[in-house]
Amino acid sequence: MYLPLVILFALALGFALFSVLLGPLVGPSRFNKAKLSAYECGIEPSPQPVVGGGRMPVAYYVTAMLFILFDIEMVFLFPYAVSADALGLWGVAAITLFIATFFIADIYVWRRGGLDWN
């Protein structure tokens, strides 16, 4: 009964291993100092942490959290859209409350200036 699923997992694992092992053999192998150095979002890496000057702006984290919230919202909205007829009026009320909660959170972030980039 589970044979097609096992075969699919075996094919996926085989393709992943094949891709990982074939990449270094087929890809270019010209290395220089710039390619071997660490790249950290345009910030020059240093061996020692910078005291007081290495802070990241909070706006990056707020944007990331909002992106995650919108992803979670879409994850919950898609199943509702698929089964909206079966859920009936209770489903409409639940999804309205869900969207209203996210809408209030978005207004809060907007009013607090979380979307303003200086």
N, C-alpha and C. Protein backbone atom coordinates (compact mmCIF):
# COMPACT_ATOMS: atom_id res chain seq x y z
N MET A 1 0.82 -1.19 0.00
CA MET A 1 0.00 0.00 0.00
C MET A 1 0.87 1.26 0.00
N TYR A 2 1.99 1.24 0.72
CA TYR A 2 2.87 2.40 0.80
C TYR A 2 4.02 2.34 -0.20
N LEU A 3 4.01 1.38 -1.09
CA LEU A 3 5.10 1.20 -2.04
C LEU A 3 5.30 2.43 -2.93
N PRO A 4 4.27 3.06 -3.50
CA PRO A 4 4.51 4.26 -4.32
C PRO A 4 5.15 5.40 -3.52
N LEU A 5 4.77 5.55 -2.26
CA LEU A 5 5.35 6.59 -1.42
C LEU A 5 6.82 6.31 -1.14
N VAL A 6 7.15 5.06 -0.85
CA VAL A 6 8.54 4.68 -0.60
C VAL A 6 9.37 4.89 -1.86
N ILE A 7 8.83 4.55 -3.01
CA ILE A 7 9.55 4.74 -4.28
C ILE A 7 9.77 6.23 -4.53
N LEU A 8 8.76 7.05 -4.24
CA LEU A 8 8.91 8.49 -4.42
C LEU A 8 10.00 9.06 -3.51
N PHE A 9 10.03 8.63 -2.25
CA PHE A 9 11.08 9.09 -1.34
C PHE A 9 12.45 8.61 -1.79
N ALA A 10 12.55 7.38 -2.29
CA ALA A 10 13.82 6.86 -2.77
C ALA A 10 14.29 7.65 -3.99
N LEU A 11 13.37 7.98 -4.90
CA LEU A 11 13.75 8.78 -6.07
C LEU A 11 14.19 10.19 -5.65
N ALA A 12 13.49 10.79 -4.70
CA ALA A 12 13.87 12.13 -4.23
C ALA A 12 15.24 12.10 -3.57
N LEU A 13 15.50 11.10 -2.75
CA LEU A 13 16.80 10.98 -2.10
C LEU A 13 17.89 10.73 -3.13
N GLY A 14 17.62 9.86 -4.10
CA GLY A 14 18.61 9.59 -5.14
C GLY A 14 18.91 10.83 -5.97
N PHE A 15 17.88 11.61 -6.32
CA PHE A 15 18.11 12.83 -7.08
C PHE A 15 18.91 13.85 -6.27
N ALA A 16 18.60 13.97 -4.98
CA ALA A 16 19.33 14.91 -4.12
C ALA A 16 20.80 14.52 -4.01
N LEU A 17 21.06 13.25 -3.76
CA LEU A 17 22.45 12.80 -3.66
C LEU A 17 23.18 12.96 -4.99
N PHE A 18 22.51 12.63 -6.09
CA PHE A 18 23.11 12.77 -7.41
C PHE A 18 23.47 14.23 -7.69
N SER A 19 22.57 15.16 -7.34
CA SER A 19 22.83 16.58 -7.58
C SER A 19 23.98 17.10 -6.73
N VAL A 20 24.02 16.68 -5.48
CA VAL A 20 25.08 17.15 -4.58
C VAL A 20 26.44 16.60 -5.01
N LEU A 21 26.48 15.36 -5.41
CA LEU A 21 27.76 14.75 -5.80
C LEU A 21 28.21 15.19 -7.19
N LEU A 22 27.28 15.49 -8.08
CA LEU A 22 27.64 15.88 -9.44
C LEU A 22 28.05 17.35 -9.53
N GLY A 23 27.57 18.20 -8.64
CA GLY A 23 27.86 19.63 -8.69
C GLY A 23 29.34 19.97 -8.70
N PRO A 24 30.13 19.48 -7.75
CA PRO A 24 31.56 19.81 -7.76
C PRO A 24 32.30 19.24 -8.98
N LEU A 25 31.82 18.17 -9.54
CA LEU A 25 32.50 17.58 -10.69
C LEU A 25 32.26 18.38 -11.96
N VAL A 26 31.05 18.90 -12.14
CA VAL A 26 30.68 19.59 -13.37
C VAL A 26 30.91 21.09 -13.26
N GLY A 27 30.75 21.67 -12.09
CA GLY A 27 30.83 23.12 -11.91
C GLY A 27 32.24 23.66 -12.03
N PRO A 28 32.36 24.98 -12.19
CA PRO A 28 33.69 25.59 -12.29
C PRO A 28 34.44 25.50 -10.97
N SER A 29 35.74 25.41 -11.08
CA SER A 29 36.55 25.27 -9.85
C SER A 29 37.69 26.27 -9.84
N ARG A 30 37.45 27.49 -10.28
CA ARG A 30 38.46 28.55 -10.22
C ARG A 30 38.21 29.35 -8.95
N PHE A 31 39.08 29.19 -7.98
CA PHE A 31 38.91 29.89 -6.72
C PHE A 31 39.91 31.02 -6.62
N ASN A 32 39.50 32.10 -5.99
CA ASN A 32 40.41 33.19 -5.67
C ASN A 32 40.06 33.70 -4.27
N LYS A 33 40.78 34.72 -3.84
CA LYS A 33 40.59 35.21 -2.48
C LYS A 33 39.18 35.77 -2.25
N ALA A 34 38.64 36.45 -3.25
CA ALA A 34 37.31 37.05 -3.10
C ALA A 34 36.23 35.99 -3.00
N LYS A 35 36.35 34.89 -3.74
CA LYS A 35 35.33 33.84 -3.69
C LYS A 35 35.40 33.04 -2.40
N LEU A 36 36.58 32.93 -1.82
CA LEU A 36 36.73 32.14 -0.60
C LEU A 36 36.44 32.93 0.67
N SER A 37 36.32 34.27 0.57
CA SER A 37 36.05 35.06 1.77
C SER A 37 34.56 35.00 2.11
N ALA A 38 34.24 35.23 3.37
CA ALA A 38 32.85 35.20 3.83
C ALA A 38 32.13 36.46 3.37
N TYR A 39 30.88 36.29 2.95
CA TYR A 39 30.06 37.43 2.54
C TYR A 39 28.91 37.55 3.53
N GLU A 40 28.82 38.70 4.18
CA GLU A 40 27.80 38.90 5.19
C GLU A 40 27.00 40.16 4.87
N CYS A 41 26.16 40.09 3.88
CA CYS A 41 25.22 41.17 3.54
C CYS A 41 25.91 42.50 3.32
N GLY A 42 27.07 42.50 2.71
CA GLY A 42 27.75 43.74 2.41
C GLY A 42 28.58 44.29 3.55
N ILE A 43 28.51 43.70 4.72
CA ILE A 43 29.29 44.16 5.86
C ILE A 43 30.62 43.42 5.85
N GLU A 44 31.70 44.16 5.96
CA GLU A 44 33.01 43.52 5.98
C GLU A 44 33.14 42.64 7.23
N PRO A 45 33.43 41.35 7.06
CA PRO A 45 33.59 40.49 8.24
C PRO A 45 34.85 40.85 9.01
N SER A 46 34.78 40.76 10.31
CA SER A 46 35.94 41.04 11.14
C SER A 46 36.15 39.86 12.08
N PRO A 47 37.42 39.59 12.43
CA PRO A 47 37.67 38.46 13.33
C PRO A 47 37.14 38.69 14.74
N GLN A 48 37.10 39.95 15.17
CA GLN A 48 36.61 40.29 16.50
C GLN A 48 35.29 41.05 16.37
N PRO A 49 34.36 40.85 17.30
CA PRO A 49 33.10 41.61 17.22
C PRO A 49 33.34 43.09 17.45
N VAL A 50 32.62 43.91 16.70
CA VAL A 50 32.73 45.36 16.85
C VAL A 50 31.91 45.77 18.06
N VAL A 51 32.54 46.48 18.98
CA VAL A 51 31.86 46.88 20.21
C VAL A 51 31.08 48.16 19.94
N GLY A 52 29.75 48.08 20.02
CA GLY A 52 28.90 49.26 19.89
C GLY A 52 28.60 49.70 18.48
N GLY A 53 29.37 49.32 17.48
CA GLY A 53 29.14 49.80 16.13
C GLY A 53 28.55 48.77 15.20
N GLY A 54 28.36 47.56 15.66
CA GLY A 54 27.89 46.51 14.78
C GLY A 54 26.43 46.18 14.91
N ARG A 55 25.62 47.12 15.28
CA ARG A 55 24.19 46.85 15.48
C ARG A 55 23.45 46.88 14.15
N MET A 56 22.52 45.96 14.00
CA MET A 56 21.67 45.92 12.82
C MET A 56 20.41 46.73 13.11
N PRO A 57 19.89 47.46 12.12
CA PRO A 57 18.65 48.20 12.35
C PRO A 57 17.48 47.26 12.64
N VAL A 58 16.62 47.67 13.52
CA VAL A 58 15.47 46.87 13.93
C VAL A 58 14.48 46.71 12.78
N ALA A 59 14.50 47.63 11.81
CA ALA A 59 13.56 47.56 10.69
C ALA A 59 13.71 46.26 9.90
N TYR A 60 14.91 45.72 9.84
CA TYR A 60 15.11 44.44 9.14
C TYR A 60 14.33 43.33 9.85
N TYR A 61 14.39 43.31 11.16
CA TYR A 61 13.70 42.27 11.92
C TYR A 61 12.18 42.44 11.85
N VAL A 62 11.71 43.68 11.89
CA VAL A 62 10.27 43.92 11.80
C VAL A 62 9.75 43.48 10.44
N THR A 63 10.51 43.78 9.38
CA THR A 63 10.11 43.35 8.05
C THR A 63 10.08 41.83 7.95
N ALA A 64 11.06 41.17 8.52
CA ALA A 64 11.09 39.71 8.50
C ALA A 64 9.91 39.12 9.26
N MET A 65 9.58 39.69 10.40
CA MET A 65 8.45 39.19 11.18
C MET A 65 7.13 39.41 10.46
N LEU A 66 6.98 40.55 9.79
CA LEU A 66 5.76 40.80 9.02
C LEU A 66 5.65 39.82 7.85
N PHE A 67 6.77 39.52 7.23
CA PHE A 67 6.76 38.55 6.14
C PHE A 67 6.32 37.18 6.64
N ILE A 68 6.81 36.79 7.81
CA ILE A 68 6.42 35.50 8.38
C ILE A 68 4.93 35.50 8.74
N LEU A 69 4.43 36.62 9.27
CA LEU A 69 3.00 36.71 9.59
C LEU A 69 2.14 36.58 8.35
N PHE A 70 2.54 37.23 7.26
CA PHE A 70 1.76 37.11 6.02
C PHE A 70 1.83 35.69 5.46
N ASP A 71 2.97 35.04 5.60
CA ASP A 71 3.06 33.64 5.16
C ASP A 71 2.13 32.75 5.97
N ILE A 72 2.10 32.95 7.28
CA ILE A 72 1.20 32.14 8.12
C ILE A 72 -0.25 32.42 7.77
N GLU A 73 -0.55 33.67 7.48
CA GLU A 73 -1.92 34.02 7.10
C GLU A 73 -2.31 33.29 5.82
N MET A 74 -1.43 33.25 4.85
CA MET A 74 -1.73 32.56 3.59
C MET A 74 -1.86 31.04 3.80
N VAL A 75 -1.07 30.51 4.70
CA VAL A 75 -1.15 29.07 4.98
C VAL A 75 -2.52 28.71 5.54
N PHE A 76 -3.10 29.58 6.34
CA PHE A 76 -4.41 29.31 6.91
C PHE A 76 -5.56 29.71 5.97
N LEU A 77 -5.33 30.67 5.10
CA LEU A 77 -6.40 31.09 4.18
C LEU A 77 -6.59 30.12 3.02
N PHE A 78 -5.53 29.47 2.59
CA PHE A 78 -5.66 28.57 1.44
C PHE A 78 -6.59 27.40 1.72
N PRO A 79 -6.47 26.68 2.85
CA PRO A 79 -7.42 25.59 3.10
C PRO A 79 -8.86 26.09 3.23
N TYR A 80 -9.05 27.30 3.76
CA TYR A 80 -10.41 27.83 3.84
C TYR A 80 -10.97 28.06 2.44
N ALA A 81 -10.14 28.59 1.55
CA ALA A 81 -10.60 28.85 0.18
C ALA A 81 -10.98 27.56 -0.53
N VAL A 82 -10.28 26.49 -0.22
CA VAL A 82 -10.57 25.20 -0.86
C VAL A 82 -11.87 24.61 -0.34
N SER A 83 -12.14 24.75 0.96
CA SER A 83 -13.33 24.11 1.54
C SER A 83 -14.33 25.14 2.07
N ALA A 84 -14.48 26.26 1.40
CA ALA A 84 -15.39 27.30 1.89
C ALA A 84 -16.84 26.85 1.88
N ASP A 85 -17.25 26.08 0.88
CA ASP A 85 -18.64 25.62 0.81
C ASP A 85 -18.99 24.68 1.95
N ALA A 86 -18.05 23.82 2.31
CA ALA A 86 -18.32 22.83 3.36
C ALA A 86 -18.38 23.46 4.75
N LEU A 87 -17.69 24.57 4.95
CA LEU A 87 -17.65 25.18 6.28
C LEU A 87 -18.88 26.02 6.59
N GLY A 88 -19.51 26.58 5.58
CA GLY A 88 -20.74 27.32 5.79
C GLY A 88 -20.55 28.65 6.50
N LEU A 89 -21.58 29.07 7.24
CA LEU A 89 -21.58 30.36 7.91
C LEU A 89 -20.56 30.40 9.04
N TRP A 90 -20.36 29.27 9.73
CA TRP A 90 -19.36 29.23 10.80
C TRP A 90 -17.97 29.50 10.24
N GLY A 91 -17.66 28.96 9.08
CA GLY A 91 -16.37 29.19 8.44
C GLY A 91 -16.18 30.65 8.05
N VAL A 92 -17.23 31.28 7.55
CA VAL A 92 -17.14 32.70 7.19
C VAL A 92 -16.87 33.54 8.43
N ALA A 93 -17.55 33.23 9.53
CA ALA A 93 -17.33 33.99 10.78
C ALA A 93 -15.91 33.78 11.29
N ALA A 94 -15.43 32.56 11.25
CA ALA A 94 -14.09 32.27 11.76
C ALA A 94 -13.03 32.96 10.91
N ILE A 95 -13.17 32.90 9.60
CA ILE A 95 -12.15 33.51 8.74
C ILE A 95 -12.23 35.03 8.79
N THR A 96 -13.42 35.58 9.02
CA THR A 96 -13.54 37.03 9.19
C THR A 96 -12.84 37.48 10.46
N LEU A 97 -13.00 36.76 11.54
CA LEU A 97 -12.30 37.07 12.78
C LEU A 97 -10.78 36.94 12.59
N PHE A 98 -10.37 35.92 11.87
CA PHE A 98 -8.94 35.70 11.61
C PHE A 98 -8.35 36.85 10.81
N ILE A 99 -9.02 37.26 9.74
CA ILE A 99 -8.51 38.36 8.91
C ILE A 99 -8.55 39.67 9.68
N ALA A 100 -9.59 39.88 10.48
CA ALA A 100 -9.67 41.10 11.28
C ALA A 100 -8.52 41.20 12.27
N THR A 101 -8.14 40.08 12.87
CA THR A 101 -7.01 40.08 13.80
C THR A 101 -5.74 40.51 13.10
N PHE A 102 -5.48 39.97 11.91
CA PHE A 102 -4.29 40.36 11.16
C PHE A 102 -4.38 41.80 10.69
N PHE A 103 -5.57 42.25 10.33
CA PHE A 103 -5.74 43.63 9.89
C PHE A 103 -5.45 44.60 11.03
N ILE A 104 -5.91 44.28 12.23
CA ILE A 104 -5.64 45.13 13.39
C ILE A 104 -4.14 45.15 13.69
N ALA A 105 -3.49 44.01 13.58
CA ALA A 105 -2.04 43.95 13.81
C ALA A 105 -1.29 44.77 12.77
N ASP A 106 -1.72 44.71 11.51
CA ASP A 106 -1.08 45.50 10.46
C ASP A 106 -1.26 46.99 10.69
N ILE A 107 -2.44 47.42 11.10
CA ILE A 107 -2.67 48.83 11.40
C ILE A 107 -1.80 49.27 12.56
N TYR A 108 -1.66 48.42 13.56
CA TYR A 108 -0.82 48.74 14.72
C TYR A 108 0.63 48.96 14.29
N VAL A 109 1.15 48.05 13.47
CA VAL A 109 2.54 48.18 13.01
C VAL A 109 2.69 49.43 12.15
N TRP A 110 1.72 49.70 11.31
CA TRP A 110 1.79 50.87 10.44
C TRP A 110 1.76 52.17 11.26
N ARG A 111 0.87 52.24 12.25
CA ARG A 111 0.75 53.44 13.08
C ARG A 111 1.99 53.67 13.95
N ARG A 112 2.64 52.57 14.36
CA ARG A 112 3.85 52.68 15.18
C ARG A 112 5.09 53.01 14.35
N GLY A 113 4.95 53.04 13.01
CA GLY A 113 6.07 53.38 12.13
C GLY A 113 6.95 52.20 11.78
N GLY A 114 6.44 51.00 11.92
CA GLY A 114 7.23 49.83 11.60
C GLY A 114 7.49 49.63 10.12
N LEU A 115 6.70 50.29 9.28
CA LEU A 115 6.87 50.17 7.84
C LEU A 115 7.63 51.33 7.23
N ASP A 116 8.03 52.32 8.05
CA ASP A 116 8.77 53.48 7.56
C ASP A 116 10.26 53.18 7.52
N TRP A 117 10.86 53.40 6.37
CA TRP A 117 12.32 53.21 6.22
C TRP A 117 12.95 54.59 6.16
N ASN A 118 13.82 54.86 7.10
CA ASN A 118 14.50 56.16 7.16
C ASN A 118 15.82 56.07 6.45
